[in-house]
Amino acid sequence: MRILAIDYGSKKCGIAASDPLRIIATGLETIPTWQLFDWLKTYLEKEPVGDLVIGESLHKDGKPNKIHEHVIGFERKFAKLYPEITLHRQDEFRTSKRAMEALIEMGVPKMKRREKERIDKMAATIILQDFMESIT
């Protein structure tokens, strides 16, 4: 079964998924946060997912930031709707910066790198990669 990852934001969420063998992380898309549960419902009807990883958003000192409460609310609702899918948190510190660096390395033009959707999707991919590396 796949692993799904979310870079949760107050306005938009980047989403990434592993392949069924859990080897490769791929960015899927960036969607408005208010559409997240509708998107998940559609995706989960088509694809078998065993784990969901959500970026844990903390300040440098380890204290929760302003989005943390929203993440907890999302996790509670998700756990009620999909109790068969295991929830995990993965540190997302610096994932947006790492995403920008990855886009530069990939040769993505500067104008396209300014598109926040690309960064969110790449950040979700990094969250997923970091999680997959931590469990191997």
N, C-alpha and C. Protein backbone atom coordinates (compact mmCIF):
# COMPACT_ATOMS: atom_id res chain seq x y z
N MET A 1 0.82 -1.19 0.00
CA MET A 1 0.00 0.00 0.00
C MET A 1 0.87 1.25 0.00
N ARG A 2 0.33 2.29 -0.58
CA ARG A 2 1.05 3.56 -0.68
C ARG A 2 1.12 4.29 0.66
N ILE A 3 2.05 5.23 0.72
CA ILE A 3 2.14 6.20 1.81
C ILE A 3 1.79 7.54 1.18
N LEU A 4 0.92 8.28 1.83
CA LEU A 4 0.54 9.60 1.37
C LEU A 4 1.14 10.62 2.33
N ALA A 5 1.60 11.76 1.81
CA ALA A 5 2.17 12.81 2.65
C ALA A 5 1.52 14.14 2.34
N ILE A 6 1.35 14.94 3.38
CA ILE A 6 0.74 16.26 3.23
C ILE A 6 1.62 17.32 3.86
N ASP A 7 1.90 18.35 3.09
CA ASP A 7 2.51 19.57 3.61
C ASP A 7 1.34 20.51 3.87
N TYR A 8 0.86 20.50 5.12
CA TYR A 8 -0.38 21.18 5.47
C TYR A 8 -0.15 22.68 5.65
N GLY A 9 -0.98 23.46 4.98
CA GLY A 9 -0.92 24.91 5.12
C GLY A 9 -2.29 25.49 5.38
N SER A 10 -2.34 26.72 5.85
CA SER A 10 -3.63 27.33 6.16
C SER A 10 -4.45 27.60 4.89
N LYS A 11 -3.78 27.80 3.77
CA LYS A 11 -4.48 28.08 2.51
C LYS A 11 -4.39 26.92 1.52
N LYS A 12 -3.21 26.31 1.43
CA LYS A 12 -3.00 25.23 0.46
C LYS A 12 -2.23 24.09 1.10
N CYS A 13 -2.42 22.90 0.53
CA CYS A 13 -1.71 21.71 1.00
C CYS A 13 -1.01 21.06 -0.19
N GLY A 14 0.27 20.79 -0.02
CA GLY A 14 1.00 20.01 -1.01
C GLY A 14 0.81 18.54 -0.67
N ILE A 15 0.68 17.72 -1.71
CA ILE A 15 0.44 16.29 -1.49
C ILE A 15 1.42 15.48 -2.32
N ALA A 16 1.95 14.42 -1.68
CA ALA A 16 2.86 13.49 -2.35
C ALA A 16 2.45 12.07 -1.98
N ALA A 17 2.86 11.12 -2.82
CA ALA A 17 2.54 9.71 -2.55
C ALA A 17 3.73 8.85 -2.94
N SER A 18 3.83 7.72 -2.26
CA SER A 18 4.84 6.73 -2.63
C SER A 18 4.25 5.82 -3.71
N ASP A 19 5.11 5.07 -4.33
CA ASP A 19 4.64 4.00 -5.21
C ASP A 19 4.16 2.86 -4.31
N PRO A 20 3.45 1.85 -4.85
CA PRO A 20 2.94 0.77 -4.00
C PRO A 20 4.03 0.01 -3.24
N LEU A 21 5.26 -0.02 -3.76
CA LEU A 21 6.34 -0.71 -3.07
C LEU A 21 7.04 0.17 -2.04
N ARG A 22 6.62 1.41 -1.94
CA ARG A 22 7.15 2.36 -0.97
C ARG A 22 8.64 2.66 -1.17
N ILE A 23 9.02 2.83 -2.43
CA ILE A 23 10.41 3.11 -2.76
C ILE A 23 10.59 4.55 -3.24
N ILE A 24 9.66 5.03 -4.06
CA ILE A 24 9.79 6.33 -4.71
C ILE A 24 8.70 7.28 -4.21
N ALA A 25 9.09 8.50 -3.85
CA ALA A 25 8.15 9.55 -3.46
C ALA A 25 7.92 10.47 -4.65
N THR A 26 6.66 10.76 -4.93
CA THR A 26 6.31 11.61 -6.06
C THR A 26 5.31 12.67 -5.63
N GLY A 27 5.58 13.92 -6.00
CA GLY A 27 4.63 14.99 -5.73
C GLY A 27 3.41 14.83 -6.61
N LEU A 28 2.24 14.94 -6.04
CA LEU A 28 1.02 14.78 -6.81
C LEU A 28 0.43 16.13 -7.22
N GLU A 29 0.08 16.94 -6.22
CA GLU A 29 -0.48 18.24 -6.53
C GLU A 29 -0.57 19.11 -5.29
N THR A 30 -0.99 20.33 -5.51
CA THR A 30 -1.25 21.27 -4.42
C THR A 30 -2.71 21.68 -4.55
N ILE A 31 -3.43 21.57 -3.44
CA ILE A 31 -4.86 21.88 -3.48
C ILE A 31 -5.21 22.87 -2.37
N PRO A 32 -6.30 23.61 -2.53
CA PRO A 32 -6.75 24.47 -1.44
C PRO A 32 -7.08 23.62 -0.21
N THR A 33 -6.71 24.09 0.95
CA THR A 33 -6.91 23.34 2.19
C THR A 33 -8.38 22.99 2.41
N TRP A 34 -9.28 23.88 2.05
CA TRP A 34 -10.70 23.61 2.27
C TRP A 34 -11.21 22.46 1.40
N GLN A 35 -10.47 22.07 0.38
CA GLN A 35 -10.86 20.96 -0.49
C GLN A 35 -10.15 19.65 -0.13
N LEU A 36 -9.33 19.66 0.91
CA LEU A 36 -8.47 18.52 1.22
C LEU A 36 -9.26 17.23 1.46
N PHE A 37 -10.30 17.26 2.27
CA PHE A 37 -11.04 16.03 2.54
C PHE A 37 -11.77 15.49 1.31
N ASP A 38 -12.26 16.37 0.46
CA ASP A 38 -12.88 15.91 -0.79
C ASP A 38 -11.85 15.24 -1.68
N TRP A 39 -10.65 15.85 -1.76
CA TRP A 39 -9.58 15.28 -2.57
C TRP A 39 -9.17 13.91 -2.01
N LEU A 40 -9.01 13.84 -0.69
CA LEU A 40 -8.62 12.57 -0.06
C LEU A 40 -9.66 11.48 -0.32
N LYS A 41 -10.92 11.81 -0.21
CA LYS A 41 -11.99 10.83 -0.44
C LYS A 41 -11.86 10.24 -1.83
N THR A 42 -11.72 11.09 -2.82
CA THR A 42 -11.59 10.64 -4.22
C THR A 42 -10.33 9.79 -4.40
N TYR A 43 -9.21 10.24 -3.87
CA TYR A 43 -7.95 9.52 -4.03
C TYR A 43 -8.00 8.16 -3.34
N LEU A 44 -8.51 8.14 -2.10
CA LEU A 44 -8.53 6.90 -1.32
C LEU A 44 -9.52 5.86 -1.87
N GLU A 45 -10.48 6.30 -2.65
CA GLU A 45 -11.38 5.35 -3.33
C GLU A 45 -10.67 4.62 -4.46
N LYS A 46 -9.63 5.24 -5.02
CA LYS A 46 -8.91 4.67 -6.16
C LYS A 46 -7.61 3.97 -5.77
N GLU A 47 -6.94 4.46 -4.74
CA GLU A 47 -5.61 3.96 -4.40
C GLU A 47 -5.58 3.41 -2.97
N PRO A 48 -4.95 2.25 -2.78
CA PRO A 48 -4.80 1.72 -1.42
C PRO A 48 -3.68 2.45 -0.68
N VAL A 49 -4.02 3.04 0.45
CA VAL A 49 -3.07 3.79 1.26
C VAL A 49 -3.06 3.20 2.66
N GLY A 50 -1.88 2.90 3.18
CA GLY A 50 -1.76 2.33 4.51
C GLY A 50 -1.32 3.32 5.56
N ASP A 51 -0.64 4.39 5.12
CA ASP A 51 -0.10 5.37 6.05
C ASP A 51 -0.26 6.77 5.47
N LEU A 52 -0.50 7.73 6.37
CA LEU A 52 -0.54 9.13 5.99
C LEU A 52 0.45 9.87 6.88
N VAL A 53 1.33 10.63 6.24
CA VAL A 53 2.35 11.40 6.95
C VAL A 53 2.00 12.87 6.79
N ILE A 54 1.96 13.56 7.90
CA ILE A 54 1.69 14.99 7.83
C ILE A 54 2.89 15.73 8.43
N GLY A 55 3.29 16.80 7.76
CA GLY A 55 4.41 17.58 8.24
C GLY A 55 4.11 18.20 9.59
N GLU A 56 5.02 18.02 10.52
CA GLU A 56 4.86 18.61 11.85
C GLU A 56 5.52 19.98 11.83
N SER A 57 4.69 20.98 12.01
CA SER A 57 5.12 22.35 11.87
C SER A 57 5.44 22.95 13.24
N LEU A 58 6.73 23.14 13.49
CA LEU A 58 7.19 23.68 14.77
C LEU A 58 8.17 24.83 14.53
N HIS A 59 8.31 25.67 15.54
CA HIS A 59 9.35 26.71 15.49
C HIS A 59 10.71 26.06 15.74
N LYS A 60 11.77 26.80 15.52
CA LYS A 60 13.14 26.30 15.74
C LYS A 60 13.33 25.76 17.15
N ASP A 61 12.67 26.39 18.13
CA ASP A 61 12.83 25.97 19.52
C ASP A 61 11.97 24.76 19.88
N GLY A 62 11.25 24.21 18.90
CA GLY A 62 10.44 23.02 19.13
C GLY A 62 9.02 23.28 19.58
N LYS A 63 8.68 24.54 19.76
CA LYS A 63 7.32 24.89 20.18
C LYS A 63 6.40 24.93 18.96
N PRO A 64 5.13 24.55 19.15
CA PRO A 64 4.18 24.57 18.03
C PRO A 64 4.00 25.98 17.45
N ASN A 65 3.85 26.06 16.14
CA ASN A 65 3.56 27.35 15.52
C ASN A 65 2.06 27.49 15.29
N LYS A 66 1.65 28.55 14.61
CA LYS A 66 0.22 28.86 14.49
C LYS A 66 -0.57 27.81 13.71
N ILE A 67 0.03 27.06 12.83
CA ILE A 67 -0.69 26.06 12.03
C ILE A 67 -0.88 24.75 12.80
N HIS A 68 -0.15 24.57 13.89
CA HIS A 68 -0.16 23.32 14.64
C HIS A 68 -1.56 22.89 15.08
N GLU A 69 -2.35 23.82 15.57
CA GLU A 69 -3.72 23.50 16.01
C GLU A 69 -4.58 23.02 14.85
N HIS A 70 -4.38 23.61 13.68
CA HIS A 70 -5.13 23.18 12.49
C HIS A 70 -4.75 21.75 12.10
N VAL A 71 -3.47 21.44 12.22
CA VAL A 71 -3.00 20.08 11.92
C VAL A 71 -3.64 19.08 12.87
N ILE A 72 -3.69 19.41 14.15
CA ILE A 72 -4.31 18.51 15.12
C ILE A 72 -5.79 18.29 14.79
N GLY A 73 -6.49 19.35 14.41
CA GLY A 73 -7.89 19.22 14.01
C GLY A 73 -8.04 18.34 12.79
N PHE A 74 -7.15 18.52 11.82
CA PHE A 74 -7.18 17.67 10.62
C PHE A 74 -6.96 16.21 11.01
N GLU A 75 -5.97 15.96 11.85
CA GLU A 75 -5.65 14.58 12.25
C GLU A 75 -6.84 13.91 12.94
N ARG A 76 -7.51 14.63 13.81
CA ARG A 76 -8.68 14.06 14.53
C ARG A 76 -9.77 13.67 13.55
N LYS A 77 -10.08 14.57 12.63
CA LYS A 77 -11.14 14.28 11.64
C LYS A 77 -10.73 13.12 10.74
N PHE A 78 -9.48 13.13 10.28
CA PHE A 78 -8.99 12.07 9.41
C PHE A 78 -9.06 10.72 10.11
N ALA A 79 -8.63 10.67 11.37
CA ALA A 79 -8.62 9.41 12.13
C ALA A 79 -10.03 8.85 12.28
N LYS A 80 -11.02 9.72 12.44
CA LYS A 80 -12.42 9.26 12.54
C LYS A 80 -12.91 8.71 11.21
N LEU A 81 -12.56 9.39 10.13
CA LEU A 81 -13.04 8.98 8.80
C LEU A 81 -12.30 7.75 8.27
N TYR A 82 -11.00 7.64 8.57
CA TYR A 82 -10.17 6.58 8.00
C TYR A 82 -9.35 5.89 9.11
N PRO A 83 -10.00 5.20 10.02
CA PRO A 83 -9.28 4.58 11.14
C PRO A 83 -8.30 3.48 10.71
N GLU A 84 -8.46 2.96 9.51
CA GLU A 84 -7.58 1.90 9.03
C GLU A 84 -6.24 2.43 8.50
N ILE A 85 -6.13 3.74 8.33
CA ILE A 85 -4.89 4.36 7.84
C ILE A 85 -4.13 4.93 9.04
N THR A 86 -2.87 4.53 9.17
CA THR A 86 -2.04 4.97 10.28
C THR A 86 -1.50 6.38 10.03
N LEU A 87 -1.69 7.24 11.01
CA LEU A 87 -1.20 8.62 10.92
C LEU A 87 0.20 8.73 11.52
N HIS A 88 1.05 9.51 10.86
CA HIS A 88 2.40 9.78 11.34
C HIS A 88 2.67 11.27 11.19
N ARG A 89 3.59 11.76 12.00
CA ARG A 89 4.09 13.12 11.83
C ARG A 89 5.55 13.06 11.46
N GLN A 90 5.95 13.99 10.61
CA GLN A 90 7.34 14.08 10.18
C GLN A 90 7.77 15.54 10.28
N ASP A 91 8.90 15.78 10.87
CA ASP A 91 9.42 17.14 10.98
C ASP A 91 9.51 17.77 9.60
N GLU A 92 8.92 18.95 9.47
CA GLU A 92 8.96 19.64 8.19
C GLU A 92 9.84 20.88 8.22
N PHE A 93 10.67 20.99 9.24
CA PHE A 93 11.55 22.15 9.36
C PHE A 93 12.43 22.28 8.12
N ARG A 94 12.40 23.42 7.50
CA ARG A 94 13.21 23.77 6.32
C ARG A 94 12.78 23.05 5.04
N THR A 95 11.63 22.37 5.01
CA THR A 95 11.26 21.66 3.78
C THR A 95 10.99 22.62 2.64
N SER A 96 10.42 23.78 2.92
CA SER A 96 10.18 24.75 1.84
C SER A 96 11.50 25.25 1.25
N LYS A 97 12.47 25.49 2.11
CA LYS A 97 13.79 25.93 1.62
C LYS A 97 14.45 24.80 0.82
N ARG A 98 14.37 23.58 1.33
CA ARG A 98 14.93 22.44 0.61
C ARG A 98 14.21 22.22 -0.72
N ALA A 99 12.91 22.48 -0.75
CA ALA A 99 12.13 22.34 -1.98
C ALA A 99 12.62 23.35 -3.02
N MET A 100 12.83 24.58 -2.59
CA MET A 100 13.33 25.60 -3.51
C MET A 100 14.71 25.21 -4.04
N GLU A 101 15.58 24.72 -3.18
CA GLU A 101 16.91 24.28 -3.61
C GLU A 101 16.80 23.14 -4.62
N ALA A 102 15.87 22.22 -4.40
CA ALA A 102 15.70 21.10 -5.33
C ALA A 102 15.20 21.59 -6.69
N LEU A 103 14.29 22.54 -6.69
CA LEU A 103 13.79 23.09 -7.96
C LEU A 103 14.91 23.79 -8.73
N ILE A 104 15.79 24.47 -8.01
CA ILE A 104 16.94 25.12 -8.66
C ILE A 104 17.84 24.06 -9.27
N GLU A 105 18.14 23.02 -8.50
CA GLU A 105 19.00 21.94 -8.99
C GLU A 105 18.40 21.24 -10.21
N MET A 106 17.07 21.17 -10.25
CA MET A 106 16.40 20.52 -11.38
C MET A 106 16.35 21.42 -12.61
N GLY A 107 16.77 22.68 -12.45
CA GLY A 107 16.78 23.59 -13.57
C GLY A 107 15.43 24.23 -13.86
N VAL A 108 14.54 24.25 -12.89
CA VAL A 108 13.23 24.89 -13.09
C VAL A 108 13.45 26.39 -13.21
N PRO A 109 12.90 27.00 -14.26
CA PRO A 109 13.09 28.43 -14.46
C PRO A 109 12.59 29.26 -13.27
N LYS A 110 13.22 30.42 -13.08
CA LYS A 110 12.93 31.27 -11.93
C LYS A 110 11.45 31.63 -11.83
N MET A 111 10.81 31.94 -12.93
CA MET A 111 9.38 32.31 -12.90
C MET A 111 8.53 31.16 -12.38
N LYS A 112 8.85 29.95 -12.78
CA LYS A 112 8.07 28.79 -12.33
C LYS A 112 8.37 28.45 -10.86
N ARG A 113 9.59 28.77 -10.41
CA ARG A 113 9.94 28.52 -9.00
C ARG A 113 9.17 29.45 -8.07
N ARG A 114 8.68 30.55 -8.58
CA ARG A 114 7.90 31.48 -7.77
C ARG A 114 6.48 30.97 -7.51
N GLU A 115 6.06 29.97 -8.24
CA GLU A 115 4.73 29.41 -8.05
C GLU A 115 4.72 28.61 -6.76
N LYS A 116 4.01 29.11 -5.76
CA LYS A 116 3.97 28.50 -4.43
C LYS A 116 3.48 27.05 -4.50
N GLU A 117 2.62 26.74 -5.46
CA GLU A 117 2.10 25.38 -5.60
C GLU A 117 3.22 24.37 -5.86
N ARG A 118 4.20 24.77 -6.64
CA ARG A 118 5.34 23.88 -6.92
C ARG A 118 6.13 23.60 -5.64
N ILE A 119 6.34 24.63 -4.86
CA ILE A 119 7.11 24.49 -3.63
C ILE A 119 6.35 23.61 -2.64
N ASP A 120 5.04 23.81 -2.50
CA ASP A 120 4.24 23.00 -1.58
C ASP A 120 4.25 21.52 -1.96
N LYS A 121 4.12 21.26 -3.25
CA LYS A 121 4.13 19.86 -3.72
C LYS A 121 5.51 19.24 -3.50
N MET A 122 6.56 19.99 -3.75
CA MET A 122 7.92 19.49 -3.54
C MET A 122 8.19 19.30 -2.05
N ALA A 123 7.68 20.21 -1.20
CA ALA A 123 7.86 20.08 0.25
C ALA A 123 7.18 18.80 0.75
N ALA A 124 5.99 18.48 0.22
CA ALA A 124 5.31 17.23 0.59
C ALA A 124 6.15 16.03 0.16
N THR A 125 6.78 16.12 -0.98
CA THR A 125 7.64 15.03 -1.46
C THR A 125 8.83 14.85 -0.52
N ILE A 126 9.42 15.95 -0.07
CA ILE A 126 10.55 15.88 0.86
C ILE A 126 10.11 15.30 2.20
N ILE A 127 8.95 15.71 2.69
CA ILE A 127 8.41 15.15 3.93
C ILE A 127 8.27 13.64 3.78
N LEU A 128 7.74 13.19 2.66
CA LEU A 128 7.56 11.76 2.41
C LEU A 128 8.90 11.04 2.30
N GLN A 129 9.85 11.61 1.58
CA GLN A 129 11.17 10.99 1.46
C GLN A 129 11.83 10.85 2.82
N ASP A 130 11.77 11.92 3.62
CA ASP A 130 12.37 11.89 4.95
C ASP A 130 11.71 10.79 5.80
N PHE A 131 10.40 10.68 5.72
CA PHE A 131 9.70 9.65 6.48
C PHE A 131 10.10 8.24 6.02
N MET A 132 10.14 8.04 4.72
CA MET A 132 10.51 6.71 4.19
C MET A 132 11.93 6.34 4.59
N GLU A 133 12.83 7.30 4.60
CA GLU A 133 14.20 7.03 5.04
C GLU A 133 14.26 6.70 6.53
N SER A 134 13.36 7.31 7.31
CA SER A 134 13.38 7.06 8.75
C SER A 134 12.85 5.69 9.14
N ILE A 135 12.09 5.06 8.26
CA ILE A 135 11.51 3.75 8.60
C ILE A 135 12.26 2.58 7.96
N THR A 136 13.30 2.89 7.19
CA THR A 136 14.05 1.79 6.57
C THR A 136 15.25 1.40 7.39
